[in-house]
Amino acid sequence: TSSDTSVITVSGAYGHVVAPGTCVLTATQAATAQYPQTVASDTVTVTAKPNNVSPELSIPGTKSVGDPPFTLTHPTSLSTGAWTYSSSDPNVIAVTGAQATVIGAGACTITATQAAHGCYASGTSAKVVSVQASLTSIGPFTVPGSVVGGPSFQLTPPASNSPGSWTYTSSNPAIQIGRAHV
């Protein structure tokens, strides 16, 4: 008999492993005219099989700030256990379900964890992902011509894909060009 049929079931003289765990198997010998009934037992521990998750999570390409969200694909494994994903730094890459969103520049580790299932143990696979800052694209900076004593003029910043603020400086602050509002 088995103390836990969710670990091992017994049918006649055969034991069948069901799942990892620990149970006590008991063998009972029937009494005879000359001998009383005898019982022997042993504690059996059933370990899970390693699921052989591939060693590194596959995340294609280099990532840059501004890239669109991407879907994480689980690594290969012998198990059919459910996968979950996490990021070591959600300020670099945020993960919701299997969807990853680039947030900022830096590096983080994305980890795929597979839950134990059936006879297989849980497993993990991870990859360090570096996210580069976006390249700033700047259009031409054009300053209108001015004349000494002429009217003040407004400096217009060049076109840029960055939301950063602009500041203005002159290579020669002793010369005031058209009393620009700087």
N, C-alpha and C. Protein backbone atom coordinates (compact mmCIF):
# COMPACT_ATOMS: atom_id res chain seq x y z
N THR A 1 0.85 -1.19 0.00
CA THR A 1 0.00 0.00 0.00
C THR A 1 0.88 1.23 0.00
N SER A 2 0.31 2.37 -0.37
CA SER A 2 1.01 3.65 -0.40
C SER A 2 0.32 4.62 0.54
N SER A 3 1.11 5.36 1.29
CA SER A 3 0.54 6.35 2.20
C SER A 3 0.06 7.60 1.45
N ASP A 4 0.50 7.78 0.20
CA ASP A 4 0.10 8.95 -0.59
C ASP A 4 0.01 8.54 -2.05
N THR A 5 -1.22 8.28 -2.51
CA THR A 5 -1.41 7.83 -3.89
C THR A 5 -1.22 8.96 -4.91
N SER A 6 -1.03 10.18 -4.45
CA SER A 6 -0.71 11.24 -5.41
C SER A 6 0.77 11.19 -5.78
N VAL A 7 1.57 10.41 -5.00
CA VAL A 7 2.99 10.24 -5.29
C VAL A 7 3.23 8.88 -5.95
N ILE A 8 2.79 7.82 -5.30
CA ILE A 8 2.93 6.45 -5.84
C ILE A 8 1.63 5.70 -5.60
N THR A 9 1.14 5.03 -6.64
CA THR A 9 0.00 4.13 -6.48
C THR A 9 0.53 2.70 -6.52
N VAL A 10 -0.17 1.77 -5.89
CA VAL A 10 0.24 0.37 -5.85
C VAL A 10 -0.89 -0.48 -6.40
N SER A 11 -0.54 -1.38 -7.31
CA SER A 11 -1.50 -2.32 -7.86
C SER A 11 -0.85 -3.69 -7.81
N GLY A 12 -1.35 -4.54 -6.92
CA GLY A 12 -0.72 -5.85 -6.74
C GLY A 12 0.69 -5.66 -6.22
N ALA A 13 1.66 -6.20 -6.92
CA ALA A 13 3.06 -6.09 -6.52
C ALA A 13 3.79 -5.01 -7.34
N TYR A 14 3.03 -4.12 -7.98
CA TYR A 14 3.64 -3.08 -8.81
C TYR A 14 3.35 -1.69 -8.25
N GLY A 15 4.40 -0.87 -8.22
CA GLY A 15 4.24 0.53 -7.84
C GLY A 15 4.30 1.39 -9.09
N HIS A 16 3.51 2.43 -9.12
CA HIS A 16 3.49 3.35 -10.26
C HIS A 16 3.74 4.76 -9.75
N VAL A 17 4.82 5.39 -10.22
CA VAL A 17 5.16 6.76 -9.82
C VAL A 17 4.19 7.71 -10.50
N VAL A 18 3.57 8.58 -9.69
CA VAL A 18 2.60 9.55 -10.21
C VAL A 18 3.22 10.94 -10.29
N ALA A 19 3.88 11.36 -9.22
CA ALA A 19 4.43 12.72 -9.17
C ALA A 19 5.53 12.79 -8.11
N PRO A 20 6.34 13.85 -8.17
CA PRO A 20 7.37 14.00 -7.14
C PRO A 20 6.74 14.16 -5.75
N GLY A 21 7.45 13.68 -4.75
CA GLY A 21 6.97 13.79 -3.38
C GLY A 21 7.53 12.66 -2.53
N THR A 22 7.00 12.52 -1.32
CA THR A 22 7.45 11.48 -0.40
C THR A 22 6.24 10.72 0.11
N CYS A 23 6.38 9.40 0.21
CA CYS A 23 5.31 8.57 0.76
C CYS A 23 5.93 7.33 1.41
N VAL A 24 5.13 6.63 2.15
CA VAL A 24 5.57 5.39 2.79
C VAL A 24 4.88 4.23 2.07
N LEU A 25 5.71 3.28 1.59
CA LEU A 25 5.17 2.07 0.98
C LEU A 25 5.21 0.96 2.04
N THR A 26 4.14 0.25 2.16
CA THR A 26 4.03 -0.80 3.17
C THR A 26 3.76 -2.13 2.50
N ALA A 27 4.53 -3.14 2.91
CA ALA A 27 4.33 -4.51 2.44
C ALA A 27 3.82 -5.33 3.62
N THR A 28 2.72 -6.01 3.42
CA THR A 28 2.12 -6.81 4.49
C THR A 28 2.15 -8.28 4.08
N GLN A 29 2.74 -9.10 4.95
CA GLN A 29 2.78 -10.55 4.70
C GLN A 29 1.68 -11.20 5.53
N ALA A 30 0.86 -11.99 4.87
CA ALA A 30 -0.28 -12.62 5.55
C ALA A 30 0.21 -13.62 6.61
N ALA A 31 -0.61 -13.77 7.62
CA ALA A 31 -0.32 -14.75 8.68
C ALA A 31 -0.53 -16.15 8.14
N THR A 32 0.22 -17.07 8.67
CA THR A 32 0.03 -18.49 8.35
C THR A 32 -0.20 -19.23 9.67
N ALA A 33 -0.40 -20.53 9.60
CA ALA A 33 -0.62 -21.31 10.81
C ALA A 33 0.59 -21.24 11.74
N GLN A 34 1.76 -21.09 11.17
CA GLN A 34 2.96 -21.07 11.99
C GLN A 34 3.51 -19.67 12.27
N TYR A 35 3.09 -18.66 11.46
CA TYR A 35 3.67 -17.31 11.61
C TYR A 35 2.57 -16.25 11.65
N PRO A 36 2.80 -15.19 12.44
CA PRO A 36 1.82 -14.09 12.46
C PRO A 36 2.01 -13.19 11.25
N GLN A 37 1.02 -12.30 11.05
CA GLN A 37 1.12 -11.31 9.98
C GLN A 37 2.35 -10.44 10.24
N THR A 38 3.09 -10.07 9.16
CA THR A 38 4.29 -9.24 9.28
C THR A 38 4.14 -8.03 8.37
N VAL A 39 4.61 -6.89 8.85
CA VAL A 39 4.53 -5.64 8.08
C VAL A 39 5.93 -5.04 7.99
N ALA A 40 6.28 -4.60 6.79
CA ALA A 40 7.53 -3.87 6.57
C ALA A 40 7.19 -2.61 5.78
N SER A 41 7.87 -1.52 6.07
CA SER A 41 7.59 -0.29 5.33
C SER A 41 8.89 0.47 5.06
N ASP A 42 8.81 1.33 4.08
CA ASP A 42 9.97 2.13 3.71
C ASP A 42 9.46 3.47 3.19
N THR A 43 10.18 4.53 3.55
CA THR A 43 9.85 5.86 3.04
C THR A 43 10.55 6.03 1.69
N VAL A 44 9.76 6.44 0.70
CA VAL A 44 10.28 6.61 -0.65
C VAL A 44 10.13 8.07 -1.05
N THR A 45 11.21 8.64 -1.57
CA THR A 45 11.17 10.01 -2.09
C THR A 45 11.31 9.95 -3.60
N VAL A 46 10.36 10.53 -4.30
CA VAL A 46 10.38 10.58 -5.75
C VAL A 46 10.80 11.99 -6.14
N THR A 47 11.88 12.10 -6.87
CA THR A 47 12.35 13.42 -7.30
C THR A 47 11.86 13.71 -8.71
N ALA A 48 11.73 14.99 -8.99
CA ALA A 48 11.29 15.41 -10.32
C ALA A 48 12.45 15.28 -11.30
N LYS A 49 12.11 15.02 -12.54
CA LYS A 49 13.11 15.00 -13.61
C LYS A 49 13.49 16.44 -13.91
N PRO A 50 14.76 16.69 -14.23
CA PRO A 50 15.10 18.04 -14.69
C PRO A 50 14.41 18.27 -16.03
N ASN A 51 13.94 19.49 -16.24
CA ASN A 51 13.21 19.73 -17.48
C ASN A 51 14.11 20.21 -18.61
N ASN A 52 15.40 20.37 -18.35
CA ASN A 52 16.37 20.73 -19.38
C ASN A 52 15.98 21.99 -20.16
N VAL A 53 15.63 23.06 -19.42
CA VAL A 53 15.35 24.34 -20.06
C VAL A 53 16.62 24.80 -20.75
N SER A 54 16.49 25.29 -21.98
CA SER A 54 17.68 25.78 -22.68
C SER A 54 18.33 26.86 -21.84
N PRO A 55 19.66 26.94 -21.87
CA PRO A 55 20.38 27.77 -20.91
C PRO A 55 20.17 29.28 -21.03
N GLU A 56 19.89 29.79 -22.21
CA GLU A 56 19.73 31.24 -22.33
C GLU A 56 18.45 31.60 -23.06
N LEU A 57 17.71 32.50 -22.48
CA LEU A 57 16.49 33.00 -23.08
C LEU A 57 16.84 33.71 -24.38
N SER A 58 16.06 33.50 -25.41
CA SER A 58 16.33 34.11 -26.71
C SER A 58 15.54 35.40 -26.86
N ILE A 59 16.27 36.51 -26.92
CA ILE A 59 15.64 37.81 -27.16
C ILE A 59 16.33 38.39 -28.39
N PRO A 60 15.61 38.53 -29.49
CA PRO A 60 16.26 38.94 -30.73
C PRO A 60 16.66 40.41 -30.76
N GLY A 61 17.80 40.67 -31.42
CA GLY A 61 18.22 42.03 -31.73
C GLY A 61 18.65 42.86 -30.55
N THR A 62 19.23 44.01 -30.88
CA THR A 62 19.58 44.98 -29.85
C THR A 62 18.37 45.85 -29.60
N LYS A 63 18.27 46.34 -28.40
CA LYS A 63 17.12 47.16 -28.02
C LYS A 63 17.56 48.60 -27.81
N SER A 64 16.69 49.52 -28.18
CA SER A 64 16.93 50.95 -27.99
C SER A 64 15.69 51.58 -27.39
N VAL A 65 15.88 52.65 -26.64
CA VAL A 65 14.75 53.39 -26.10
C VAL A 65 13.89 53.83 -27.29
N GLY A 66 12.60 53.64 -27.19
CA GLY A 66 11.68 53.99 -28.26
C GLY A 66 11.28 52.80 -29.13
N ASP A 67 11.96 51.66 -28.96
CA ASP A 67 11.56 50.46 -29.71
C ASP A 67 10.15 50.05 -29.30
N PRO A 68 9.41 49.43 -30.21
CA PRO A 68 8.06 48.98 -29.86
C PRO A 68 8.13 47.80 -28.87
N PRO A 69 7.05 47.56 -28.12
CA PRO A 69 7.02 46.39 -27.24
C PRO A 69 7.26 45.11 -28.05
N PHE A 70 7.77 44.09 -27.37
CA PHE A 70 8.03 42.82 -28.05
C PHE A 70 7.56 41.68 -27.17
N THR A 71 7.27 40.55 -27.83
CA THR A 71 6.76 39.37 -27.13
C THR A 71 7.92 38.45 -26.80
N LEU A 72 7.95 37.98 -25.55
CA LEU A 72 8.96 37.03 -25.11
C LEU A 72 8.53 35.63 -25.52
N THR A 73 9.45 34.87 -26.04
CA THR A 73 9.18 33.50 -26.45
C THR A 73 9.93 32.59 -25.49
N HIS A 74 9.21 31.64 -24.89
CA HIS A 74 9.85 30.79 -23.90
C HIS A 74 10.88 29.89 -24.54
N PRO A 75 11.90 29.53 -23.75
CA PRO A 75 12.93 28.62 -24.26
C PRO A 75 12.39 27.20 -24.42
N THR A 76 13.20 26.33 -24.95
CA THR A 76 12.79 24.94 -25.10
C THR A 76 12.90 24.21 -23.77
N SER A 77 12.06 23.22 -23.58
CA SER A 77 12.01 22.47 -22.33
C SER A 77 11.30 21.15 -22.58
N LEU A 78 11.59 20.18 -21.73
CA LEU A 78 10.89 18.89 -21.82
C LEU A 78 9.51 18.95 -21.17
N SER A 79 9.32 19.92 -20.27
CA SER A 79 8.09 20.04 -19.50
C SER A 79 7.04 20.86 -20.24
N THR A 80 5.80 20.72 -19.81
CA THR A 80 4.72 21.56 -20.35
C THR A 80 4.22 22.53 -19.29
N GLY A 81 5.03 22.75 -18.24
CA GLY A 81 4.65 23.69 -17.17
C GLY A 81 4.49 25.11 -17.70
N ALA A 82 3.71 25.90 -16.99
CA ALA A 82 3.43 27.29 -17.38
C ALA A 82 4.68 28.16 -17.23
N TRP A 83 4.80 29.15 -18.11
CA TRP A 83 5.94 30.08 -18.09
C TRP A 83 5.53 31.42 -17.51
N THR A 84 6.42 32.02 -16.74
CA THR A 84 6.27 33.40 -16.28
C THR A 84 7.58 34.12 -16.58
N TYR A 85 7.50 35.44 -16.71
CA TYR A 85 8.66 36.25 -17.07
C TYR A 85 8.81 37.39 -16.08
N SER A 86 10.07 37.80 -15.86
CA SER A 86 10.32 38.93 -14.97
C SER A 86 11.52 39.72 -15.47
N SER A 87 11.61 40.96 -15.00
CA SER A 87 12.72 41.85 -15.33
C SER A 87 13.40 42.26 -14.03
N SER A 88 14.72 42.27 -14.03
CA SER A 88 15.46 42.69 -12.84
C SER A 88 15.38 44.20 -12.64
N ASP A 89 15.04 44.95 -13.70
CA ASP A 89 14.92 46.41 -13.59
C ASP A 89 13.79 46.90 -14.49
N PRO A 90 12.58 47.05 -13.92
CA PRO A 90 11.45 47.51 -14.75
C PRO A 90 11.60 48.94 -15.26
N ASN A 91 12.63 49.68 -14.79
CA ASN A 91 12.89 51.01 -15.35
C ASN A 91 13.65 50.92 -16.66
N VAL A 92 14.18 49.74 -16.99
CA VAL A 92 14.86 49.51 -18.26
C VAL A 92 13.91 48.77 -19.20
N ILE A 93 13.41 47.60 -18.76
CA ILE A 93 12.41 46.85 -19.52
C ILE A 93 11.34 46.38 -18.53
N ALA A 94 10.10 46.75 -18.80
CA ALA A 94 8.97 46.31 -17.97
C ALA A 94 8.35 45.08 -18.64
N VAL A 95 7.96 44.10 -17.82
CA VAL A 95 7.39 42.87 -18.35
C VAL A 95 6.00 42.66 -17.75
N THR A 96 5.01 42.44 -18.61
CA THR A 96 3.66 42.10 -18.21
C THR A 96 3.26 40.87 -19.00
N GLY A 97 3.06 39.75 -18.30
CA GLY A 97 2.79 38.49 -19.01
C GLY A 97 4.01 38.15 -19.84
N ALA A 98 3.82 37.96 -21.14
CA ALA A 98 4.93 37.67 -22.05
C ALA A 98 5.27 38.90 -22.89
N GLN A 99 4.73 40.06 -22.53
CA GLN A 99 4.96 41.31 -23.27
C GLN A 99 6.03 42.12 -22.56
N ALA A 100 7.08 42.52 -23.29
CA ALA A 100 8.16 43.33 -22.74
C ALA A 100 8.14 44.71 -23.39
N THR A 101 8.28 45.74 -22.56
CA THR A 101 8.27 47.11 -23.04
C THR A 101 9.55 47.82 -22.62
N VAL A 102 10.27 48.38 -23.61
CA VAL A 102 11.49 49.12 -23.33
C VAL A 102 11.09 50.45 -22.70
N ILE A 103 11.68 50.74 -21.52
CA ILE A 103 11.34 51.96 -20.78
C ILE A 103 12.49 52.97 -20.83
N GLY A 104 13.70 52.51 -20.55
CA GLY A 104 14.82 53.44 -20.50
C GLY A 104 16.14 52.74 -20.79
N ALA A 105 17.19 53.53 -20.93
CA ALA A 105 18.52 53.00 -21.22
C ALA A 105 19.10 52.31 -20.00
N GLY A 106 19.93 51.30 -20.24
CA GLY A 106 20.57 50.56 -19.15
C GLY A 106 20.62 49.08 -19.47
N ALA A 107 20.82 48.28 -18.45
CA ALA A 107 20.86 46.83 -18.62
C ALA A 107 20.01 46.18 -17.55
N CYS A 108 19.39 45.07 -17.89
CA CYS A 108 18.61 44.30 -16.93
C CYS A 108 18.62 42.84 -17.36
N THR A 109 18.21 41.99 -16.45
CA THR A 109 18.13 40.56 -16.74
C THR A 109 16.66 40.18 -16.88
N ILE A 110 16.33 39.59 -18.02
CA ILE A 110 14.99 39.06 -18.24
C ILE A 110 15.06 37.56 -17.91
N THR A 111 14.18 37.10 -17.03
CA THR A 111 14.18 35.70 -16.60
C THR A 111 12.86 35.04 -16.97
N ALA A 112 12.96 33.86 -17.58
CA ALA A 112 11.79 33.02 -17.88
C ALA A 112 11.82 31.88 -16.87
N THR A 113 10.72 31.69 -16.15
CA THR A 113 10.63 30.62 -15.16
C THR A 113 9.49 29.70 -15.54
N GLN A 114 9.81 28.40 -15.58
CA GLN A 114 8.79 27.41 -15.89
C GLN A 114 8.41 26.69 -14.61
N ALA A 115 7.12 26.62 -14.36
CA ALA A 115 6.61 25.95 -13.16
C ALA A 115 6.82 24.45 -13.28
N ALA A 116 6.99 23.81 -12.13
CA ALA A 116 7.06 22.34 -12.11
C ALA A 116 5.74 21.79 -12.64
N HIS A 117 5.81 20.69 -13.36
CA HIS A 117 4.60 20.11 -13.91
C HIS A 117 4.80 18.61 -14.07
N GLY A 118 3.84 17.84 -13.59
CA GLY A 118 3.95 16.39 -13.71
C GLY A 118 5.21 15.89 -13.06
N CYS A 119 6.01 15.15 -13.78
CA CYS A 119 7.24 14.59 -13.23
C CYS A 119 8.44 15.52 -13.41
N TYR A 120 8.23 16.73 -13.96
CA TYR A 120 9.35 17.63 -14.23
C TYR A 120 9.45 18.73 -13.18
N ALA A 121 10.69 19.04 -12.82
CA ALA A 121 10.98 20.13 -11.88
C ALA A 121 10.80 21.47 -12.58
N SER A 122 10.77 22.53 -11.79
CA SER A 122 10.73 23.87 -12.38
C SER A 122 12.10 24.18 -12.98
N GLY A 123 12.16 25.20 -13.80
CA GLY A 123 13.43 25.58 -14.42
C GLY A 123 13.41 27.04 -14.79
N THR A 124 14.60 27.61 -15.00
CA THR A 124 14.70 29.01 -15.40
C THR A 124 15.70 29.17 -16.53
N SER A 125 15.54 30.26 -17.24
CA SER A 125 16.46 30.67 -18.28
C SER A 125 16.47 32.19 -18.25
N ALA A 126 17.65 32.78 -18.41
CA ALA A 126 17.75 34.23 -18.29
C ALA A 126 18.70 34.79 -19.34
N LYS A 127 18.56 36.09 -19.58
CA LYS A 127 19.46 36.79 -20.50
C LYS A 127 19.58 38.23 -20.06
N VAL A 128 20.81 38.73 -20.07
CA VAL A 128 21.05 40.15 -19.81
C VAL A 128 20.77 40.90 -21.10
N VAL A 129 19.96 41.94 -21.00
CA VAL A 129 19.59 42.74 -22.17
C VAL A 129 20.06 44.16 -21.94
N SER A 130 20.78 44.70 -22.91
CA SER A 130 21.23 46.09 -22.85
C SER A 130 20.33 46.93 -23.74
N VAL A 131 19.91 48.06 -23.21
CA VAL A 131 19.07 48.98 -23.97
C VAL A 131 19.85 50.27 -24.17
N GLN A 132 20.02 50.65 -25.43
CA GLN A 132 20.75 51.87 -25.77
C GLN A 132 19.80 53.05 -25.77
N ALA A 133 20.35 54.21 -25.40
CA ALA A 133 19.57 55.43 -25.51
C ALA A 133 19.30 55.69 -26.99
N SER A 134 18.18 56.31 -27.29
CA SER A 134 17.87 56.64 -28.68
C SER A 134 18.87 57.66 -29.20
N LEU A 135 19.14 57.58 -30.47
CA LEU A 135 19.97 58.60 -31.08
C LEU A 135 19.11 59.83 -31.32
N THR A 136 19.68 60.98 -31.00
CA THR A 136 18.93 62.22 -31.19
C THR A 136 19.14 62.70 -32.62
N SER A 137 18.05 63.01 -33.26
CA SER A 137 18.08 63.54 -34.62
C SER A 137 17.78 65.03 -34.52
N ILE A 138 18.72 65.83 -34.99
CA ILE A 138 18.56 67.28 -34.88
C ILE A 138 18.58 67.90 -36.27
N GLY A 139 17.60 68.75 -36.52
CA GLY A 139 17.54 69.49 -37.78
C GLY A 139 18.44 70.72 -37.71
N PRO A 140 18.45 71.52 -38.76
CA PRO A 140 19.33 72.70 -38.78
C PRO A 140 18.89 73.75 -37.76
N PHE A 141 19.89 74.45 -37.20
CA PHE A 141 19.65 75.55 -36.27
C PHE A 141 19.95 76.82 -37.05
N THR A 142 18.90 77.59 -37.32
CA THR A 142 19.04 78.79 -38.14
C THR A 142 18.76 80.01 -37.30
N VAL A 143 19.72 80.92 -37.29
CA VAL A 143 19.56 82.17 -36.54
C VAL A 143 19.38 83.29 -37.56
N PRO A 144 18.34 84.12 -37.40
CA PRO A 144 18.12 85.19 -38.38
C PRO A 144 19.26 86.22 -38.31
N GLY A 145 19.54 86.80 -39.45
CA GLY A 145 20.56 87.86 -39.50
C GLY A 145 20.12 89.04 -38.65
N SER A 146 21.09 89.76 -38.14
CA SER A 146 20.73 90.93 -37.31
C SER A 146 21.71 92.06 -37.59
N VAL A 147 21.29 93.21 -37.18
CA VAL A 147 22.07 94.43 -37.38
C VAL A 147 22.24 95.05 -36.01
N VAL A 148 23.42 95.67 -35.77
CA VAL A 148 23.66 96.35 -34.50
C VAL A 148 22.54 97.36 -34.29
N GLY A 149 21.93 97.28 -33.12
CA GLY A 149 20.83 98.19 -32.79
C GLY A 149 19.50 97.72 -33.34
N GLY A 150 19.46 96.60 -34.06
CA GLY A 150 18.22 96.09 -34.64
C GLY A 150 17.30 95.54 -33.55
N PRO A 151 16.10 95.12 -33.94
CA PRO A 151 15.14 94.62 -32.96
C PRO A 151 15.57 93.25 -32.39
N SER A 152 15.06 92.94 -31.23
CA SER A 152 15.30 91.63 -30.62
C SER A 152 14.62 90.56 -31.46
N PHE A 153 15.08 89.37 -31.37
CA PHE A 153 14.47 88.26 -32.11
C PHE A 153 14.42 87.03 -31.21
N GLN A 154 13.52 86.16 -31.55
CA GLN A 154 13.31 84.91 -30.81
C GLN A 154 14.15 83.80 -31.45
N LEU A 155 14.90 83.07 -30.63
CA LEU A 155 15.63 81.91 -31.15
C LEU A 155 14.67 80.74 -31.22
N THR A 156 14.65 80.07 -32.34
CA THR A 156 13.78 78.91 -32.53
C THR A 156 14.66 77.66 -32.52
N PRO A 157 14.35 76.72 -31.62
CA PRO A 157 15.19 75.52 -31.55
C PRO A 157 15.07 74.68 -32.82
N PRO A 158 16.11 73.93 -33.12
CA PRO A 158 16.01 73.04 -34.29
C PRO A 158 15.01 71.91 -34.02
N ALA A 159 14.52 71.30 -35.08
CA ALA A 159 13.63 70.14 -34.93
C ALA A 159 14.44 69.00 -34.30
N SER A 160 13.79 68.24 -33.41
CA SER A 160 14.47 67.13 -32.75
C SER A 160 13.46 66.06 -32.37
N ASN A 161 13.90 64.81 -32.33
CA ASN A 161 13.02 63.72 -31.91
C ASN A 161 13.06 63.54 -30.38
N SER A 162 13.88 64.34 -29.70
CA SER A 162 13.99 64.26 -28.25
C SER A 162 13.08 65.30 -27.59
N PRO A 163 12.45 64.94 -26.46
CA PRO A 163 11.63 65.92 -25.75
C PRO A 163 12.45 66.80 -24.79
N GLY A 164 13.79 66.64 -24.79
CA GLY A 164 14.64 67.42 -23.88
C GLY A 164 14.54 68.92 -24.14
N SER A 165 14.74 69.70 -23.08
CA SER A 165 14.65 71.17 -23.22
C SER A 165 15.93 71.71 -23.84
N TRP A 166 15.82 72.89 -24.44
CA TRP A 166 16.94 73.53 -25.11
C TRP A 166 17.48 74.67 -24.25
N THR A 167 18.78 74.88 -24.28
CA THR A 167 19.41 76.08 -23.73
C THR A 167 20.29 76.65 -24.82
N TYR A 168 20.57 77.92 -24.74
CA TYR A 168 21.33 78.59 -25.79
C TYR A 168 22.54 79.27 -25.16
N THR A 169 23.68 79.17 -25.86
CA THR A 169 24.90 79.85 -25.42
C THR A 169 25.54 80.48 -26.64
N SER A 170 26.42 81.42 -26.39
CA SER A 170 27.17 82.08 -27.45
C SER A 170 28.64 81.78 -27.24
N SER A 171 29.37 81.60 -28.34
CA SER A 171 30.81 81.36 -28.23
C SER A 171 31.53 82.62 -27.77
N ASN A 172 30.87 83.79 -27.90
CA ASN A 172 31.46 85.04 -27.45
C ASN A 172 30.37 85.86 -26.77
N PRO A 173 30.16 85.64 -25.47
CA PRO A 173 29.07 86.35 -24.79
C PRO A 173 29.25 87.87 -24.72
N ALA A 174 30.44 88.39 -25.05
CA ALA A 174 30.66 89.85 -25.03
C ALA A 174 29.94 90.52 -26.19
N ILE A 175 29.65 89.77 -27.21
CA ILE A 175 28.95 90.34 -28.37
C ILE A 175 27.48 89.94 -28.27
N GLN A 176 26.62 90.95 -28.24
CA GLN A 176 25.19 90.68 -28.21
C GLN A 176 24.66 90.76 -29.63
N ILE A 177 24.15 89.67 -30.11
CA ILE A 177 23.64 89.65 -31.48
C ILE A 177 22.17 90.01 -31.45
N GLY A 178 21.89 91.20 -31.95
CA GLY A 178 20.50 91.62 -32.10
C GLY A 178 19.71 91.50 -30.80
N ARG A 179 20.34 91.57 -29.65
CA ARG A 179 19.66 91.49 -28.37
C ARG A 179 18.74 90.26 -28.34
N ALA A 180 19.27 89.15 -28.73
CA ALA A 180 18.48 87.93 -28.75
C ALA A 180 18.00 87.58 -27.35
N HIS A 181 16.78 87.09 -27.28
CA HIS A 181 16.24 86.62 -26.00
C HIS A 181 16.79 85.23 -25.79
N VAL A 182 17.76 85.12 -24.92
CA VAL A 182 18.40 83.83 -24.68
C VAL A 182 18.02 83.31 -23.33
